[in-house]
PDB file of N, CA and C in Angstrom:
ATOM      1  N   MET A   1      -3.940 -56.508  38.055  1.00  0.00           N
ATOM      2  CA  MET A   1      -3.155 -57.563  38.679  1.00  0.00           C
ATOM      3  C   MET A   1      -3.800 -58.914  38.383  1.00  0.00           C
ATOM      4  N   PRO A   2      -3.020 -59.882  37.964  1.00  0.00           N
ATOM      5  CA  PRO A   2      -3.568 -61.194  37.663  1.00  0.00           C
ATOM      6  C   PRO A   2      -4.008 -61.928  38.927  1.00  0.00           C
ATOM      7  N   CYS A   3      -4.861 -62.901  38.769  1.00  0.00           N
ATOM      8  CA  CYS A   3      -5.390 -63.648  39.904  1.00  0.00           C
ATOM      9  C   CYS A   3      -4.471 -64.764  40.376  1.00  0.00           C
ATOM     10  N   ASP A   4      -3.311 -64.911  39.760  1.00  0.00           N
ATOM     11  CA  ASP A   4      -2.417 -65.991  40.158  1.00  0.00           C
ATOM     12  C   ASP A   4      -1.619 -65.656  41.408  1.00  0.00           C
ATOM     13  N   GLY A   5      -1.850 -64.486  41.993  1.00  0.00           N
ATOM     14  CA  GLY A   5      -1.169 -64.112  43.220  1.00  0.00           C
ATOM     15  C   GLY A   5       0.205 -63.521  43.003  1.00  0.00           C
ATOM     16  N   LYS A   6       0.586 -63.251  41.759  1.00  0.00           N
ATOM     17  CA  LYS A   6       1.900 -62.684  41.475  1.00  0.00           C
ATOM     18  C   LYS A   6       1.733 -61.307  40.857  1.00  0.00           C
ATOM     19  N   LYS A   7       2.685 -60.466  41.135  1.00  0.00           N
ATOM     20  CA  LYS A   7       2.655 -59.110  40.604  1.00  0.00           C
ATOM     21  C   LYS A   7       4.008 -58.839  39.969  1.00  0.00           C
ATOM     22  N   GLU A   8       3.988 -58.335  38.756  1.00  0.00           N
ATOM     23  CA  GLU A   8       5.249 -58.025  38.100  1.00  0.00           C
ATOM     24  C   GLU A   8       5.702 -56.629  38.508  1.00  0.00           C
ATOM     25  N   LEU A   9       6.962 -56.525  38.832  1.00  0.00           N
ATOM     26  CA  LEU A   9       7.557 -55.249  39.212  1.00  0.00           C
ATOM     27  C   LEU A   9       8.758 -54.985  38.323  1.00  0.00           C
ATOM     28  N   THR A  10       9.001 -53.753  38.006  1.00  0.00           N
ATOM     29  CA  THR A  10      10.189 -53.430  37.227  1.00  0.00           C
ATOM     30  C   THR A  10      11.096 -52.557  38.074  1.00  0.00           C
ATOM     31  N   ASN A  11      12.358 -52.839  37.996  1.00  0.00           N
ATOM     32  CA  ASN A  11      13.383 -52.052  38.677  1.00  0.00           C
ATOM     33  C   ASN A  11      14.270 -51.434  37.615  1.00  0.00           C
ATOM     34  N   SER A  12      14.370 -50.136  37.594  1.00  0.00           N
ATOM     35  CA  SER A  12      15.193 -49.404  36.634  1.00  0.00           C
ATOM     36  C   SER A  12      14.790 -49.680  35.188  1.00  0.00           C
ATOM     37  N   GLY A  13      13.589 -50.212  34.974  1.00  0.00           N
ATOM     38  CA  GLY A  13      13.128 -50.491  33.628  1.00  0.00           C
ATOM     39  C   GLY A  13      13.790 -51.685  32.980  1.00  0.00           C
ATOM     40  N   ASP A  14      14.767 -52.321  33.632  1.00  0.00           N
ATOM     41  CA  ASP A  14      15.498 -53.420  33.019  1.00  0.00           C
ATOM     42  C   ASP A  14      15.119 -54.777  33.603  1.00  0.00           C
ATOM     43  N   GLN A  15      15.016 -54.852  34.910  1.00  0.00           N
ATOM     44  CA  GLN A  15      14.752 -56.125  35.560  1.00  0.00           C
ATOM     45  C   GLN A  15      13.263 -56.280  35.813  1.00  0.00           C
ATOM     46  N   VAL A  16      12.787 -57.487  35.633  1.00  0.00           N
ATOM     47  CA  VAL A  16      11.404 -57.815  35.979  1.00  0.00           C
ATOM     48  C   VAL A  16      11.470 -58.997  36.930  1.00  0.00           C
ATOM     49  N   LYS A  17      10.796 -58.856  38.046  1.00  0.00           N
ATOM     50  CA  LYS A  17      10.763 -59.957  38.996  1.00  0.00           C
ATOM     51  C   LYS A  17       9.347 -60.139  39.493  1.00  0.00           C
ATOM     52  N   SER A  18       9.063 -61.312  40.012  1.00  0.00           N
ATOM     53  CA  SER A  18       7.733 -61.599  40.533  1.00  0.00           C
ATOM     54  C   SER A  18       7.764 -61.519  42.041  1.00  0.00           C
ATOM     55  N   GLU A  19       6.721 -60.961  42.574  1.00  0.00           N
ATOM     56  CA  GLU A  19       6.586 -60.859  44.023  1.00  0.00           C
ATOM     57  C   GLU A  19       5.315 -61.593  44.411  1.00  0.00           C
ATOM     58  N   GLU A  20       5.422 -62.519  45.346  1.00  0.00           N
ATOM     59  CA  GLU A  20       4.256 -63.261  45.790  1.00  0.00           C
ATOM     60  C   GLU A  20       3.329 -62.324  46.548  1.00  0.00           C
ATOM     61  N   LYS A  21       2.071 -62.387  46.213  1.00  0.00           N
ATOM     62  CA  LYS A  21       1.050 -61.594  46.891  1.00  0.00           C
ATOM     63  C   LYS A  21       0.012 -62.553  47.444  1.00  0.00           C
ATOM     64  N   LYS A  22      -0.735 -62.075  48.440  1.00  0.00           N
ATOM     65  CA  LYS A  22      -1.797 -62.892  49.010  1.00  0.00           C
ATOM     66  C   LYS A  22      -2.915 -63.069  47.984  1.00  0.00           C
ATOM     67  N   LEU A  23      -3.514 -64.236  47.989  1.00  0.00           N
ATOM     68  CA  LEU A  23      -4.640 -64.527  47.128  1.00  0.00           C
ATOM     69  C   LEU A  23      -5.840 -63.709  47.585  1.00  0.00           C
ATOM     70  N   LYS A  24      -6.517 -63.092  46.650  1.00  0.00           N
ATOM     71  CA  LYS A  24      -7.687 -62.285  46.970  1.00  0.00           C
ATOM     72  C   LYS A  24      -8.937 -63.151  46.897  1.00  0.00           C
ATOM     73  N   PRO A  25      -9.954 -62.848  47.715  1.00  0.00           N
ATOM     74  CA  PRO A  25     -11.184 -63.637  47.686  1.00  0.00           C
ATOM     75  C   PRO A  25     -11.843 -63.666  46.306  1.00  0.00           C
ATOM     76  N   CYS A  26     -11.708 -62.597  45.556  1.00  0.00           N
ATOM     77  CA  CYS A  26     -12.340 -62.555  44.234  1.00  0.00           C
ATOM     78  C   CYS A  26     -11.688 -63.518  43.251  1.00  0.00           C
ATOM     79  N   CYS A  27     -10.471 -63.947  43.546  1.00  0.00           N
ATOM     80  CA  CYS A  27      -9.746 -64.837  42.634  1.00  0.00           C
ATOM     81  C   CYS A  27      -9.719 -66.283  43.136  1.00  0.00           C
ATOM     82  N   ALA A  28     -10.166 -66.490  44.365  1.00  0.00           N
ATOM     83  CA  ALA A  28     -10.122 -67.822  44.961  1.00  0.00           C
ATOM     84  C   ALA A  28     -11.343 -68.645  44.543  1.00  0.00           C
ATOM     85  N   CYS A  29     -11.181 -69.917  44.466  1.00  0.00           N
ATOM     86  CA  CYS A  29     -12.264 -70.870  44.224  1.00  0.00           C
ATOM     87  C   CYS A  29     -13.088 -70.548  42.984  1.00  0.00           C
ATOM     88  N   PRO A  30     -12.468 -70.449  41.823  1.00  0.00           N
ATOM     89  CA  PRO A  30     -13.225 -70.074  40.633  1.00  0.00           C
ATOM     90  C   PRO A  30     -14.306 -71.083  40.238  1.00  0.00           C
ATOM     91  N   GLU A  31     -14.096 -72.377  40.534  1.00  0.00           N
ATOM     92  CA  GLU A  31     -15.084 -73.386  40.152  1.00  0.00           C
ATOM     93  C   GLU A  31     -16.373 -73.208  40.943  1.00  0.00           C
ATOM     94  N   THR A  32     -16.252 -73.086  42.265  1.00  0.00           N
ATOM     95  CA  THR A  32     -17.460 -72.945  43.085  1.00  0.00           C
ATOM     96  C   THR A  32     -18.087 -71.567  42.901  1.00  0.00           C
ATOM     97  N   ARG A  33     -17.272 -70.566  42.638  1.00  0.00           N
ATOM     98  CA  ARG A  33     -17.809 -69.219  42.407  1.00  0.00           C
ATOM     99  C   ARG A  33     -18.668 -69.200  41.148  1.00  0.00           C
ATOM    100  N   LYS A  34     -18.201 -69.869  40.096  1.00  0.00           N
ATOM    101  CA  LYS A  34     -18.951 -69.891  38.839  1.00  0.00           C
ATOM    102  C   LYS A  34     -20.289 -70.599  39.020  1.00  0.00           C
ATOM    103  N   LYS A  35     -20.279 -71.745  39.691  1.00  0.00           N
ATOM    104  CA  LYS A  35     -21.531 -72.472  39.942  1.00  0.00           C
ATOM    105  C   LYS A  35     -22.492 -71.618  40.767  1.00  0.00           C
ATOM    106  N   ARG A  36     -21.971 -70.970  41.801  1.00  0.00           N
ATOM    107  CA  ARG A  36     -22.799 -70.113  42.657  1.00  0.00           C
ATOM    108  C   ARG A  36     -23.403 -68.960  41.864  1.00  0.00           C
ATOM    109  N   ASP A  37     -22.575 -68.273  41.108  1.00  0.00           N
ATOM    110  CA  ASP A  37     -23.040 -67.105  40.353  1.00  0.00           C
ATOM    111  C   ASP A  37     -24.066 -67.484  39.290  1.00  0.00           C
ATOM    112  N   THR A  38     -23.816 -68.580  38.587  1.00  0.00           N
ATOM    113  CA  THR A  38     -24.755 -69.034  37.558  1.00  0.00           C
ATOM    114  C   THR A  38     -26.105 -69.383  38.182  1.00  0.00           C
ATOM    115  N   CYS A  39     -26.071 -70.078  39.289  1.00  0.00           N
ATOM    116  CA  CYS A  39     -27.299 -70.460  39.967  1.00  0.00           C
ATOM    117  C   CYS A  39     -28.079 -69.229  40.415  1.00  0.00           C
ATOM    118  N   ILE A  40     -27.388 -68.262  41.003  1.00  0.00           N
ATOM    119  CA  ILE A  40     -28.059 -67.055  41.489  1.00  0.00           C
ATOM    120  C   ILE A  40     -28.696 -66.286  40.340  1.00  0.00           C
ATOM    121  N   ILE A  41     -27.998 -66.181  39.223  1.00  0.00           N
ATOM    122  CA  ILE A  41     -28.533 -65.459  38.065  1.00  0.00           C
ATOM    123  C   ILE A  41     -29.774 -66.167  37.517  1.00  0.00           C
ATOM    124  N   GLU A  42     -29.713 -67.492  37.440  1.00  0.00           N
ATOM    125  CA  GLU A  42     -30.811 -68.246  36.835  1.00  0.00           C
ATOM    126  C   GLU A  42     -31.970 -68.516  37.784  1.00  0.00           C
ATOM    127  N   ASN A  43     -31.684 -68.670  39.086  1.00  0.00           N
ATOM    128  CA  ASN A  43     -32.710 -69.131  40.019  1.00  0.00           C
ATOM    129  C   ASN A  43     -32.981 -68.205  41.201  1.00  0.00           C
ATOM    130  N   GLY A  44     -32.155 -67.204  41.403  1.00  0.00           N
ATOM    131  CA  GLY A  44     -32.311 -66.331  42.564  1.00  0.00           C
ATOM    132  C   GLY A  44     -31.526 -66.860  43.750  1.00  0.00           C
ATOM    133  N   GLU A  45     -31.065 -65.940  44.573  1.00  0.00           N
ATOM    134  CA  GLU A  45     -30.197 -66.294  45.702  1.00  0.00           C
ATOM    135  C   GLU A  45     -30.845 -67.283  46.663  1.00  0.00           C
ATOM    136  N   ALA A  46     -32.128 -67.115  46.927  1.00  0.00           N
ATOM    137  CA  ALA A  46     -32.825 -67.968  47.895  1.00  0.00           C
ATOM    138  C   ALA A  46     -32.819 -69.439  47.484  1.00  0.00           C
ATOM    139  N   ASN A  47     -32.677 -69.708  46.196  1.00  0.00           N
ATOM    140  CA  ASN A  47     -32.712 -71.079  45.701  1.00  0.00           C
ATOM    141  C   ASN A  47     -31.329 -71.682  45.486  1.00  0.00           C
ATOM    142  N   CYS A  48     -30.283 -71.024  45.932  1.00  0.00           N
ATOM    143  CA  CYS A  48     -28.916 -71.478  45.652  1.00  0.00           C
ATOM    144  C   CYS A  48     -28.073 -71.639  46.909  1.00  0.00           C
ATOM    145  N   THR A  49     -28.692 -71.888  48.034  1.00  0.00           N
ATOM    146  CA  THR A  49     -27.933 -71.978  49.283  1.00  0.00           C
ATOM    147  C   THR A  49     -26.876 -73.072  49.239  1.00  0.00           C
ATOM    148  N   LYS A  50     -27.151 -74.175  48.536  1.00  0.00           N
ATOM    149  CA  LYS A  50     -26.167 -75.270  48.423  1.00  0.00           C
ATOM    150  C   LYS A  50     -24.873 -74.755  47.807  1.00  0.00           C
ATOM    151  N   TYR A  51     -24.976 -74.032  46.684  1.00  0.00           N
ATOM    152  CA  TYR A  51     -23.794 -73.536  45.981  1.00  0.00           C
ATOM    153  C   TYR A  51     -23.114 -72.398  46.740  1.00  0.00           C
ATOM    154  N   ILE A  52     -23.901 -71.596  47.417  1.00  0.00           N
ATOM    155  CA  ILE A  52     -23.341 -70.507  48.229  1.00  0.00           C
ATOM    156  C   ILE A  52     -22.508 -71.093  49.361  1.00  0.00           C
ATOM    157  N   GLU A  53     -23.044 -72.112  50.035  1.00  0.00           N
ATOM    158  CA  GLU A  53     -22.321 -72.744  51.143  1.00  0.00           C
ATOM    159  C   GLU A  53     -21.076 -73.481  50.660  1.00  0.00           C
ATOM    160  N   GLU A  54     -21.153 -74.122  49.496  1.00  0.00           N
ATOM    161  CA  GLU A  54     -19.965 -74.797  48.939  1.00  0.00           C
ATOM    162  C   GLU A  54     -18.858 -73.786  48.655  1.00  0.00           C
ATOM    163  N   HIS A  55     -19.226 -72.630  48.145  1.00  0.00           N
ATOM    164  CA  HIS A  55     -18.232 -71.592  47.852  1.00  0.00           C
ATOM    165  C   HIS A  55     -17.626 -71.055  49.158  1.00  0.00           C
ATOM    166  N   LYS A  56     -18.450 -70.845  50.153  1.00  0.00           N
ATOM    167  CA  LYS A  56     -17.945 -70.379  51.452  1.00  0.00           C
ATOM    168  C   LYS A  56     -16.972 -71.389  52.046  1.00  0.00           C
ATOM    169  N   GLU A  57     -17.307 -72.676  51.952  1.00  0.00           N
ATOM    170  CA  GLU A  57     -16.417 -73.719  52.472  1.00  0.00           C
ATOM    171  C   GLU A  57     -15.079 -73.706  51.745  1.00  0.00           C
ATOM    172  N   CYS A  58     -15.116 -73.529  50.442  1.00  0.00           N
ATOM    173  CA  CYS A  58     -13.877 -73.470  49.666  1.00  0.00           C
ATOM    174  C   CYS A  58     -13.032 -72.280  50.127  1.00  0.00           C
ATOM    175  N   LEU A  59     -13.652 -71.137  50.283  1.00  0.00           N
ATOM    176  CA  LEU A  59     -12.926 -69.945  50.752  1.00  0.00           C
ATOM    177  C   LEU A  59     -12.344 -70.173  52.146  1.00  0.00           C
ATOM    178  N   ARG A  60     -13.122 -70.778  53.023  1.00  0.00           N
ATOM    179  CA  ARG A  60     -12.621 -71.069  54.387  1.00  0.00           C
ATOM    180  C   ARG A  60     -11.423 -72.013  54.343  1.00  0.00           C
ATOM    181  N   SER A  61     -11.471 -72.981  53.432  1.00  0.00           N
ATOM    182  CA  SER A  61     -10.362 -73.953  53.339  1.00  0.00           C
ATOM    183  C   SER A  61      -9.069 -73.283  52.902  1.00  0.00           C
ATOM    184  N   LEU A  62      -9.186 -72.121  52.273  1.00  0.00           N
ATOM    185  CA  LEU A  62      -8.000 -71.364  51.850  1.00  0.00           C
ATOM    186  C   LEU A  62      -7.590 -70.316  52.877  1.00  0.00           C
ATOM    187  N   GLY A  63      -8.307 -70.288  54.006  1.00  0.00           N
ATOM    188  CA  GLY A  63      -7.938 -69.386  55.086  1.00  0.00           C
ATOM    189  C   GLY A  63      -8.719 -68.079  55.162  1.00  0.00           C
ATOM    190  N   PHE A  64      -9.708 -67.915  54.306  1.00  0.00           N
ATOM    191  CA  PHE A  64     -10.524 -66.703  54.377  1.00  0.00           C
ATOM    192  C   PHE A  64     -11.536 -66.841  55.498  1.00  0.00           C
ATOM    193  N   LYS A  65     -11.781 -65.759  56.213  1.00  0.00           N
ATOM    194  CA  LYS A  65     -12.742 -65.764  57.322  1.00  0.00           C
ATOM    195  C   LYS A  65     -14.076 -65.253  56.804  1.00  0.00           C
ATOM    196  N   ILE A  66     -14.900 -66.197  56.397  1.00  0.00           N
ATOM    197  CA  ILE A  66     -16.211 -65.885  55.816  1.00  0.00           C
ATOM    198  C   ILE A  66     -17.288 -66.293  56.795  1.00  0.00           C
TER     199      ILE A  66
END
């Protein structure tokens, strides 16, 4: 399933329609997630609290309960 929140469905093999799905946490906030992950890989989790907190804030702003 793509991260754009849409899922393709086929009916009778002929029709294709999009159905809106909820955004998953793994697909939300790709910019802050990338910065967080890169920092953790290069510096260790203990040294990346700034990026971890920025990512959590982004997720919270989208309605995730983190």
